[in-house]
Amino acid sequence: MSADTQAHERIDLRTSPEIKNLIVRAASSVGMTVSAFLLGTAQERAKEILAEKEMVTLTSRDWGAFARALDNSEKPRPKLAAAMKRHRDWQKR
């Protein structure tokens, strides 16, 4: 947890002694408290899971087809055009 982040919520867990011992050993081996270890690990995994579920990855060919379909659209789509511009600007970084 960063220095400017304050803990306001609590998560309670119940586990077997074996799993607790495993977690304690792992946290200790990297010099972290159990709470910091669990929060850090859970946060990393949560980000991975959400990235997999919320992000669409297209091949270059599919992206080209998608962009052409948008360009050939009869109806103006200003929000979509703005998103495409943000994507192009992001790719230039």
Protein backbone atom coordinates (compact mmCIF):
# COMPACT_ATOMS: atom_id res chain seq x y z
CA MET A 1 0.00 0.00 0.00
CA SER A 2 1.44 3.42 -0.91
CA ALA A 3 2.18 6.00 1.75
CA ASP A 4 -0.68 8.27 0.67
CA THR A 5 -3.24 5.44 0.61
CA GLN A 6 -5.08 4.91 3.84
CA ALA A 7 -6.78 1.65 4.73
CA HIS A 8 -10.51 2.14 5.16
CA GLU A 9 -11.86 -1.30 4.40
CA ARG A 10 -11.29 -4.69 5.93
CA ILE A 11 -11.27 -8.14 4.37
CA ASP A 12 -11.52 -11.15 6.67
CA LEU A 13 -10.37 -14.59 5.58
CA ARG A 14 -10.61 -18.06 7.04
CA THR A 15 -8.16 -20.71 5.93
CA SER A 16 -6.58 -23.96 6.97
CA PRO A 17 -3.43 -23.95 9.10
CA GLU A 18 -1.49 -25.38 6.16
CA ILE A 19 -2.44 -22.56 3.79
CA LYS A 20 -1.82 -19.95 6.48
CA ASN A 21 1.65 -21.39 7.11
CA LEU A 22 2.38 -21.36 3.37
CA ILE A 23 1.34 -17.70 3.07
CA VAL A 24 3.28 -16.69 6.18
CA ARG A 25 6.41 -18.42 4.87
CA ALA A 26 6.08 -16.81 1.44
CA ALA A 27 5.52 -13.33 2.89
CA SER A 28 8.44 -13.76 5.24
CA SER A 29 10.71 -14.93 2.43
CA VAL A 30 10.22 -11.65 0.58
CA GLY A 31 10.35 -9.50 3.72
CA MET A 32 6.69 -8.52 3.73
CA THR A 33 3.94 -8.65 6.30
CA VAL A 34 1.20 -11.16 5.62
CA SER A 35 -1.28 -8.33 5.01
CA ALA A 36 1.01 -6.55 2.54
CA PHE A 37 1.78 -9.84 0.79
CA LEU A 38 -1.89 -10.80 0.45
CA LEU A 39 -2.96 -7.33 -0.69
CA GLY A 40 -0.15 -7.01 -3.21
CA THR A 41 -0.64 -10.48 -4.63
CA ALA A 42 -4.42 -10.15 -4.79
CA GLN A 43 -4.18 -6.72 -6.41
CA GLU A 44 -1.78 -7.95 -9.11
CA ARG A 45 -3.95 -10.95 -9.88
CA ALA A 46 -7.14 -8.85 -9.91
CA LYS A 47 -5.58 -6.50 -12.47
CA GLU A 48 -4.52 -9.46 -14.63
CA ILE A 49 -7.99 -10.99 -14.53
CA LEU A 50 -9.74 -7.71 -15.34
CA ALA A 51 -7.31 -6.97 -18.17
CA GLU A 52 -8.09 -10.37 -19.69
CA LYS A 53 -11.83 -9.84 -19.35
CA GLU A 54 -12.03 -6.16 -20.33
CA MET A 55 -9.42 -5.86 -23.07
CA VAL A 56 -9.87 -6.95 -26.66
CA THR A 57 -6.73 -7.79 -28.61
CA LEU A 58 -6.91 -7.74 -32.37
CA THR A 59 -4.45 -8.88 -34.98
CA SER A 60 -3.20 -6.20 -37.39
CA ARG A 61 -5.51 -7.59 -40.05
CA ASP A 62 -8.54 -7.54 -37.74
CA TRP A 63 -7.69 -4.05 -36.50
CA GLY A 64 -7.50 -2.84 -40.11
CA ALA A 65 -10.89 -4.36 -40.88
CA PHE A 66 -12.36 -2.80 -37.75
CA ALA A 67 -10.93 0.64 -38.59
CA ARG A 68 -12.18 0.41 -42.21
CA ALA A 69 -15.65 -0.53 -41.00
CA LEU A 70 -15.67 2.50 -38.76
CA ASP A 71 -14.36 4.76 -41.51
CA ASN A 72 -17.03 3.53 -43.93
CA SER A 73 -19.87 4.04 -41.49
CA GLU A 74 -22.73 6.21 -42.75
CA LYS A 75 -23.65 7.53 -39.32
CA PRO A 76 -21.17 9.88 -37.58
CA ARG A 77 -19.85 8.45 -34.33
CA PRO A 78 -17.97 11.24 -32.54
CA LYS A 79 -17.28 9.23 -29.37
CA LEU A 80 -15.87 6.35 -31.38
CA ALA A 81 -13.78 8.72 -33.49
CA ALA A 82 -12.39 10.27 -30.31
CA ALA A 83 -11.55 6.83 -28.94
CA MET A 84 -9.74 5.94 -32.16
CA LYS A 85 -7.75 9.19 -31.94
CA ARG A 86 -6.81 8.45 -28.32
CA HIS A 87 -5.69 4.98 -29.38
CA ARG A 88 -3.54 6.35 -32.22
CA ASP A 89 -2.04 8.98 -29.88
CA TRP A 90 -1.37 6.28 -27.26
CA GLN A 91 0.40 4.10 -29.85
CA LYS A 92 2.74 6.98 -30.73
CA ARG A 93 4.10 7.13 -27.18
